Protein backbone atom coordinates (compact mmCIF):
# COMPACT_ATOMS: atom_id res chain seq x y z
CA MET A 1 -0.06 -4.22 -14.82
CA ILE A 2 1.54 -3.86 -11.39
CA ASN A 3 2.89 -0.42 -10.58
CA THR A 4 6.27 -1.02 -8.99
CA GLN A 5 7.59 2.52 -9.35
CA GLY A 6 9.57 3.56 -6.34
CA TYR A 7 10.17 0.03 -4.98
CA ARG A 8 13.78 -1.03 -4.44
CA TYR A 9 13.67 -4.83 -4.49
CA GLU A 10 11.71 -7.60 -6.16
CA ILE A 11 11.72 -10.89 -4.23
CA SER A 12 10.02 -14.13 -5.30
CA ALA A 13 9.56 -17.47 -3.51
CA ALA A 14 8.03 -20.56 -4.94
CA GLY A 15 5.04 -22.67 -4.21
CA ARG A 16 5.85 -26.34 -4.02
CA VAL A 17 4.51 -29.75 -4.93
CA ASN A 18 5.62 -32.77 -2.99
CA LEU A 19 6.19 -35.72 -5.35
CA ILE A 20 6.14 -38.23 -2.49
CA GLY A 21 6.82 -38.34 1.24
CA GLU A 22 3.61 -36.90 2.72
CA HIS A 23 3.14 -36.22 6.40
CA VAL A 24 6.64 -37.49 7.21
CA ASP A 25 8.55 -34.19 7.40
CA TYR A 26 7.51 -33.51 11.00
CA CYS A 27 8.44 -37.10 11.80
CA GLY A 28 12.08 -36.63 10.70
CA GLY A 29 11.64 -38.40 7.37
CA LYS A 30 12.90 -37.73 3.87
CA VAL A 31 10.66 -36.01 1.36
CA LEU A 32 10.86 -35.30 -2.35
CA PRO A 33 9.37 -31.87 -3.10
CA CYS A 34 9.90 -29.50 -6.07
CA ALA A 35 9.66 -25.74 -6.22
CA LEU A 36 7.11 -24.60 -8.79
CA SER A 37 6.94 -21.78 -11.29
CA LEU A 38 3.96 -20.48 -9.30
CA LYS A 39 5.39 -17.70 -7.14
CA CYS A 40 4.69 -15.17 -4.44
CA THR A 41 6.42 -11.94 -5.38
CA VAL A 42 7.04 -9.11 -2.92
CA TYR A 43 8.10 -5.63 -3.96
CA ALA A 44 9.88 -3.84 -1.12
CA ARG A 45 11.33 -0.46 -0.16
CA PRO A 46 12.44 1.12 3.10
CA ASN A 47 10.21 3.89 4.42
CA GLY A 48 12.23 5.32 7.33
CA THR A 49 9.43 4.74 9.90
CA ASP A 50 8.58 2.19 12.59
CA TYR A 51 5.84 0.66 10.45
CA ILE A 52 5.57 -2.09 7.85
CA ASN A 53 2.92 -0.97 5.35
CA LEU A 54 1.30 -3.82 3.41
CA GLU A 55 -0.63 -3.75 0.15
CA TRP A 56 -1.82 -6.58 -2.10
CA THR A 57 -2.36 -6.68 -5.85
CA ASP A 58 -5.62 -8.61 -5.43
CA LEU A 59 -7.07 -7.07 -2.24
CA GLN A 60 -8.31 -3.63 -1.33
CA ASP A 61 -6.87 -3.88 2.20
CA LYS A 62 -3.98 -1.72 3.29
CA ILE A 63 -2.52 -2.63 6.68
CA SER A 64 0.25 -1.09 8.77
CA LEU A 65 2.20 -3.10 11.37
CA ASP A 66 3.99 -1.36 14.24
CA ILE A 67 7.39 -3.05 14.51
CA ARG A 68 7.56 -2.05 18.18
CA ASP A 69 4.62 -4.27 19.15
CA LEU A 70 4.12 -7.12 16.69
CA ASN A 71 2.45 -9.41 19.26
CA GLN A 72 -0.82 -7.54 18.80
CA TYR A 73 -1.28 -8.88 15.23
CA ARG A 74 -1.68 -12.61 15.88
CA GLU A 75 -5.38 -12.59 14.95
CA LEU A 76 -5.12 -10.62 11.70
CA ARG A 77 -6.85 -12.16 8.70
CA HIS A 78 -4.76 -11.09 5.72
CA ALA A 79 -1.52 -9.91 7.33
CA LYS A 80 -1.00 -12.69 9.91
CA TYR A 81 1.81 -14.33 7.95
CA GLN A 82 3.66 -11.07 7.37
CA ALA A 83 3.31 -10.10 11.03
CA GLY A 84 4.59 -13.51 12.07
CA CYS A 85 7.55 -13.20 9.71
CA ALA A 86 8.40 -9.77 11.10
CA TYR A 87 8.15 -11.10 14.66
CA VAL A 88 10.41 -14.13 14.21
CA TRP A 89 12.95 -12.11 12.18
CA GLN A 90 13.09 -9.57 14.99
CA GLN A 91 13.22 -12.24 17.72
CA ALA A 92 16.12 -13.95 15.95
CA GLY A 93 18.22 -10.80 16.54
CA HIS A 94 18.04 -9.26 13.09
CA GLU A 95 17.34 -5.62 12.52
CA LEU A 96 13.76 -5.01 11.41
CA LYS A 97 13.33 -1.77 9.56
CA GLY A 98 10.15 -0.02 8.52
CA CYS A 99 9.22 -0.72 4.95
CA ASP A 100 6.50 -0.78 2.31
CA LEU A 101 5.64 -4.18 0.88
CA LEU A 102 3.45 -4.92 -2.17
CA ILE A 103 2.45 -8.59 -2.31
CA ASP A 104 1.52 -10.39 -5.51
CA CYS A 105 0.85 -14.06 -4.83
CA LYS A 106 0.13 -16.41 -7.76
CA VAL A 107 0.18 -19.60 -5.68
CA PRO A 108 -3.51 -20.56 -5.30
CA PHE A 109 -4.65 -20.27 -1.70
CA GLY A 110 -5.86 -23.44 0.02
CA SER A 111 -4.52 -25.60 -2.84
CA GLY A 112 -1.95 -27.61 -0.91
CA LEU A 113 0.79 -25.95 -3.02
CA SER A 114 2.16 -24.01 -0.04
CA SER A 115 1.05 -20.44 -0.69
CA SER A 116 1.77 -19.77 2.99
CA ALA A 117 5.41 -20.91 2.69
CA ALA A 118 5.88 -18.78 -0.43
CA ILE A 119 4.51 -15.76 1.36
CA GLU A 120 6.68 -16.35 4.43
CA VAL A 121 9.93 -16.97 2.59
CA SER A 122 9.54 -13.98 0.24
CA THR A 123 8.56 -11.72 3.15
CA ILE A 124 11.52 -12.65 5.38
CA ALA A 125 13.90 -12.29 2.43
CA ALA A 126 12.45 -8.80 1.93
CA PHE A 127 13.17 -7.91 5.56
CA ALA A 128 16.74 -9.14 5.13
CA LEU A 129 17.35 -7.00 2.05
CA ILE A 130 15.80 -3.91 3.67
CA ALA A 131 18.15 -4.45 6.62
CA GLY A 132 21.15 -4.66 4.29
CA GLU A 133 21.64 -8.43 4.80
CA LYS A 134 22.13 -11.10 2.17
CA PRO A 135 19.23 -13.53 2.50
CA ASP A 136 20.26 -16.99 3.75
CA PRO A 137 17.74 -19.47 2.25
CA VAL A 138 18.20 -22.15 4.96
CA GLU A 139 17.85 -19.67 7.83
CA ILE A 140 14.85 -18.06 6.12
CA ALA A 141 13.18 -21.48 5.73
CA CYS A 142 13.63 -22.23 9.46
CA LEU A 143 12.33 -18.80 10.50
CA ALA A 144 9.37 -19.18 8.13
CA GLN A 145 8.49 -22.49 9.76
CA LYS A 146 8.65 -20.80 13.18
CA ALA A 147 6.30 -18.06 11.96
CA GLU A 148 3.82 -20.69 10.78
CA HIS A 149 3.92 -22.33 14.22
CA GLU A 150 3.66 -19.18 16.31
CA PHE A 151 1.32 -16.95 14.32
CA ALA A 152 -0.69 -19.27 12.04
CA GLY A 153 -1.01 -22.07 14.62
CA VAL A 154 -0.02 -24.82 12.15
CA ASN A 155 2.51 -27.23 13.68
CA CYS A 156 4.06 -27.93 10.27
CA GLY A 157 7.32 -29.60 9.38
CA ILE A 158 10.12 -27.90 7.48
CA MET A 159 9.45 -29.25 4.00
CA ASP A 160 7.25 -26.49 2.56
CA GLN A 161 9.44 -23.60 3.61
CA PHE A 162 12.64 -25.37 2.63
CA ALA A 163 11.38 -26.22 -0.84
CA SER A 164 10.08 -22.67 -1.31
CA ALA A 165 13.45 -21.19 -0.35
CA CYS A 166 15.98 -23.74 -1.68
CA GLY A 167 14.34 -25.36 -4.73
CA LYS A 168 16.31 -25.76 -7.97
CA LYS A 169 14.92 -25.64 -11.50
CA ASP A 170 14.20 -29.07 -13.03
CA HIS A 171 15.15 -30.83 -9.82
CA ALA A 172 13.37 -32.44 -6.90
CA MET A 173 14.88 -32.08 -3.45
CA LEU A 174 15.59 -35.22 -1.47
CA LEU A 175 15.42 -33.45 1.86
CA ASP A 176 16.27 -35.21 5.13
CA CYS A 177 13.97 -33.33 7.53
CA LYS A 178 15.93 -34.55 10.53
CA THR A 179 19.30 -33.15 9.47
CA LEU A 180 18.27 -30.68 6.67
CA LYS A 181 20.75 -32.46 4.38
CA CYS A 182 19.49 -31.94 0.86
CA GLU A 183 20.31 -33.73 -2.41
CA GLN A 184 19.06 -32.30 -5.67
CA ILE A 185 17.60 -35.04 -7.91
CA PRO A 186 17.14 -34.27 -11.62
CA VAL A 187 13.50 -34.81 -12.59
CA LYS A 188 13.50 -36.89 -15.74
CA THR A 189 10.04 -38.27 -16.54
CA GLY A 190 10.70 -39.46 -20.04
CA GLY A 191 7.50 -39.45 -22.05
CA TYR A 192 5.41 -38.45 -19.02
CA SER A 193 4.35 -35.09 -17.66
CA LEU A 194 3.35 -33.95 -14.20
CA VAL A 195 -0.19 -32.62 -14.02
CA ILE A 196 -1.51 -30.82 -10.90
CA ILE A 197 -5.30 -30.74 -10.36
CA ASN A 198 -6.97 -28.70 -7.66
CA THR A 199 -10.12 -30.09 -6.02
CA ASN A 200 -11.20 -26.48 -5.29
CA LYS A 201 -12.67 -27.69 -2.04
CA PRO A 202 -12.04 -24.99 0.59
CA HIS A 203 -9.95 -26.18 3.50
CA SER A 204 -8.01 -24.89 6.46
CA LEU A 205 -5.06 -26.64 8.04
CA VAL A 206 -5.83 -25.14 11.39
CA VAL A 207 -9.51 -26.21 11.34
CA SER A 208 -8.61 -29.59 9.89
CA LYS A 209 -7.04 -32.44 11.77
CA TYR A 210 -3.50 -31.65 10.72
CA ASN A 211 -2.31 -30.81 14.19
CA GLU A 212 -4.14 -33.84 15.53
CA ARG A 213 -2.19 -36.13 13.17
CA ARG A 214 1.06 -34.65 14.38
CA GLU A 215 0.06 -35.32 17.97
CA GLU A 216 -0.76 -38.92 17.06
CA THR A 217 2.64 -39.46 15.46
CA GLU A 218 4.32 -37.93 18.48
CA THR A 219 2.48 -40.43 20.64
CA ALA A 220 3.66 -43.28 18.41
CA PHE A 221 7.24 -42.06 18.66
CA SER A 222 7.01 -41.72 22.44
CA LEU A 223 5.72 -45.27 22.84
CA LEU A 224 8.20 -46.85 20.37
CA LYS A 225 11.14 -44.98 21.87
CA ARG A 226 10.66 -47.05 25.00
CA LYS A 227 11.23 -50.18 22.91
CA MET A 228 14.01 -49.18 20.51
CA ASP A 229 16.86 -46.74 20.04
CA ILE A 230 15.36 -44.12 17.71
CA GLU A 231 15.64 -40.32 17.34
CA CYS A 232 12.38 -39.88 15.43
CA LEU A 233 9.49 -41.93 14.07
CA ALA A 234 11.10 -42.01 10.61
CA ASP A 235 13.98 -44.07 12.05
CA VAL A 236 11.64 -47.07 12.48
CA ARG A 237 11.89 -49.67 9.74
CA PRO A 238 8.69 -51.41 8.59
CA PHE A 239 9.59 -54.82 10.00
CA ARG A 240 10.36 -53.32 13.41
CA LEU A 241 6.99 -51.56 13.52
CA VAL A 242 5.29 -54.90 12.91
CA GLU A 243 7.25 -56.39 15.83
CA TYR A 244 5.93 -53.77 18.23
CA ARG A 245 2.40 -53.47 16.81
CA THR A 246 0.77 -54.66 20.04
CA SER A 247 2.53 -51.90 21.96
CA LEU A 248 0.51 -49.25 20.16
CA PRO A 249 -3.21 -48.43 20.33
CA ALA A 250 -4.85 -49.37 17.02
CA ILE A 251 -5.29 -45.83 15.72
CA ILE A 252 -1.75 -44.85 16.68
CA TYR A 253 -0.37 -47.90 14.87
CA ARG A 254 -2.26 -46.94 11.72
CA ARG A 255 -0.75 -43.44 11.79
CA ALA A 256 2.72 -44.83 12.43
CA LYS A 257 2.33 -47.42 9.64
CA HIS A 258 1.70 -44.68 7.09
CA VAL A 259 4.78 -42.73 8.19
CA VAL A 260 7.10 -45.74 8.28
CA ASP A 261 5.92 -47.16 4.96
CA GLU A 262 5.94 -43.73 3.29
CA CYS A 263 9.57 -43.24 4.25
CA GLU A 264 10.36 -46.52 2.46
CA ARG A 265 8.34 -45.39 -0.57
CA VAL A 266 10.43 -42.21 -0.81
CA ARG A 267 13.60 -44.32 -1.01
CA LEU A 268 12.12 -46.55 -3.72
CA ALA A 269 10.71 -43.54 -5.62
CA VAL A 270 14.17 -41.90 -5.83
CA GLU A 271 15.56 -45.13 -7.22
CA ALA A 272 12.76 -45.31 -9.78
CA MET A 273 13.28 -41.70 -10.82
CA GLN A 274 17.01 -42.15 -11.22
CA ASN A 275 16.43 -45.31 -13.28
CA GLY A 276 13.79 -43.68 -15.47
CA ASP A 277 11.21 -46.22 -14.34
CA MET A 278 8.08 -44.12 -14.47
CA LYS A 279 5.72 -47.09 -14.16
CA ARG A 280 7.28 -47.98 -10.86
CA PHE A 281 7.29 -44.34 -9.76
CA GLY A 282 3.59 -44.09 -10.63
CA GLN A 283 2.78 -47.24 -8.69
CA LEU A 284 4.45 -45.71 -5.62
CA LEU A 285 2.33 -42.59 -6.03
CA MET A 286 -0.81 -44.76 -5.92
CA GLU A 287 0.41 -46.69 -2.89
CA SER A 288 1.11 -43.39 -1.13
CA HIS A 289 -2.41 -42.14 -1.76
CA MET A 290 -4.00 -45.36 -0.55
CA SER A 291 -1.99 -45.17 2.66
CA LEU A 292 -2.96 -41.52 3.18
CA ALA A 293 -6.59 -42.52 2.68
CA ASP A 294 -6.68 -45.78 4.68
CA PHE A 295 -4.10 -45.34 7.44
CA TYR A 296 -3.65 -41.59 7.81
CA GLU A 297 -7.18 -40.60 6.86
CA VAL A 298 -6.45 -37.19 5.35
CA THR A 299 -7.88 -37.49 1.83
CA GLY A 300 -11.67 -37.32 1.77
CA LYS A 301 -14.24 -37.70 -0.97
CA GLU A 302 -12.89 -35.06 -3.39
CA LEU A 303 -9.25 -36.07 -3.34
CA ASP A 304 -10.17 -39.75 -3.58
CA CYS A 305 -12.44 -39.06 -6.54
CA LEU A 306 -9.69 -37.23 -8.42
CA ALA A 307 -7.19 -39.97 -7.64
CA HIS A 308 -9.49 -42.80 -8.72
CA ALA A 309 -10.48 -40.97 -11.89
CA ALA A 310 -6.80 -40.56 -12.75
CA TRP A 311 -5.97 -44.22 -12.01
CA ASP A 312 -8.71 -45.34 -14.30
CA HIS A 313 -7.32 -43.39 -17.26
CA PRO A 314 -5.01 -45.50 -19.46
CA ALA A 315 -2.46 -42.67 -19.93
CA CYS A 316 -1.90 -42.23 -16.19
CA ALA A 317 1.01 -44.10 -14.55
CA GLY A 318 -0.02 -42.94 -11.06
CA ALA A 319 -1.57 -40.15 -9.02
CA ARG A 320 -1.95 -39.15 -5.41
CA MET A 321 -2.95 -36.28 -3.14
CA THR A 322 -0.15 -33.82 -2.40
CA GLY A 323 0.02 -31.48 0.58
CA ALA A 324 -1.62 -31.79 3.94
CA GLY A 325 -4.94 -33.13 2.57
CA PHE A 326 -8.54 -32.36 3.51
CA GLY A 327 -8.78 -30.71 0.09
CA GLY A 328 -6.11 -29.24 -2.12
CA CYS A 329 -4.47 -30.96 -5.09
CA THR A 330 -3.48 -34.20 -6.68
CA ILE A 331 -0.28 -34.79 -8.62
CA ASN A 332 -0.62 -36.98 -11.66
CA LEU A 333 1.98 -38.72 -13.84
CA VAL A 334 0.51 -38.74 -17.37
CA LYS A 335 1.78 -39.62 -20.82
CA THR A 336 2.67 -36.30 -22.41
CA ASN A 337 0.82 -36.95 -25.63
CA SER A 338 -2.43 -37.59 -23.69
CA VAL A 339 -2.36 -34.77 -21.15
CA GLU A 340 -5.20 -32.68 -22.62
CA GLU A 341 -7.53 -35.65 -23.02
CA PHE A 342 -6.62 -36.79 -19.48
CA LYS A 343 -7.46 -33.42 -18.01
CA ARG A 344 -10.84 -33.25 -19.81
CA LYS A 345 -11.99 -36.72 -18.81
CA VAL A 346 -10.76 -36.61 -15.23
CA CYS A 347 -12.18 -33.14 -14.55
CA ALA A 348 -15.54 -34.02 -16.16
CA ARG A 349 -15.89 -37.14 -14.01
CA TYR A 350 -14.84 -35.23 -10.91
CA GLU A 351 -17.49 -32.59 -11.45
CA ARG A 352 -20.20 -35.18 -12.06
CA GLU A 353 -19.36 -37.05 -8.86
CA THR A 354 -18.65 -34.14 -6.48
CA GLY A 355 -20.28 -31.05 -7.89
CA TYR A 356 -16.97 -29.13 -7.74
CA GLU A 357 -15.22 -27.86 -10.83
CA ALA A 358 -11.53 -28.81 -10.73
CA THR A 359 -8.69 -26.61 -11.94
CA CYS A 360 -5.59 -27.85 -13.76
CA TYR A 361 -2.24 -26.05 -13.46
CA ASN A 362 0.35 -25.87 -16.21
CA VAL A 363 3.47 -25.50 -14.13
CA GLU A 364 7.14 -26.07 -14.44
CA ILE A 365 9.68 -27.06 -11.78
CA GLY A 366 11.44 -23.80 -10.98
CA ASP A 367 13.90 -22.22 -8.59
CA GLY A 368 12.99 -21.37 -5.01
CA LEU A 369 13.96 -17.97 -3.61
CA SER A 370 15.17 -15.28 -6.01
CA TYR A 371 15.60 -11.54 -5.72
CA HIS A 372 17.09 -8.49 -7.46
CA SER A 373 17.25 -4.74 -7.21
CA LEU A 374 14.85 -2.64 -9.28
């Protein structure tokens, strides 16, 4: 039982799962994420000092941040995200007041379900409330992305933070990452359920090749912009990429091919979802995973093993990795009446083939940012 006595606000932000549209957010593409019922909750109160005092429900650490010199905390282990959030909130011209924060994060770390975005969004919303401001979900998402760039060193797109802040229960967000225009799409899977399975392989976006992939797509955009009138790589249609294939180094073409084709898959997936065609939706999930494995090279043995095990199960319409890759989770579209058998067989095969024990999450599609006074 968490002791919240004396705290003034309770703020929660969601983890997220991306149904389809992977590694296209930083290329200006459209993505289809959902906010999850897995949350990071922050309990907050003002303390009348120049310090932000941090505690966690699952750590012994207690850390204080001096709001007069936040630059000194860029190398912190556990409080890096909170320090980054305080820094960008302050730099954006908002009042940053001393406060006590108690953090209770239920989004699994390193899972690809955006625990970092949930932490960032809930923390910035807490700073807003302490300062007497009404949290603006879109502004908070943008500031959270900036904190990820400047303090965590991950050159991420906007999708994770936007889904964490702006998600809507029982809906997926068709988010245009170039314009931030968002359409809420009801998630109606008929007789199928979404199952999330964690590889439990430790990974780090900073250590991984995430930033390298972004650099490669930026190279592709720079080279293609010389040939056509585009504002971002996601503006390129598949047939135009084929036309200019010889203008790109082989590895750059492969990265661009994933992005361009994935943007088309998002469009088709939305159509399939709206038409209730789960077999087509599942096929697009599989095509997405194969592209991420073959052209973008961000899956690896564990994610591929989970995906192939799922594809081989007769109750599965489709499955793919979700998140940045190099570990993390798969999302699986499974007949509801076969979910438990599916989880047993897929996880048993995964453990035999990799030595890791997978974890399955029973989650619902929930709201993004929420808060109330205690």
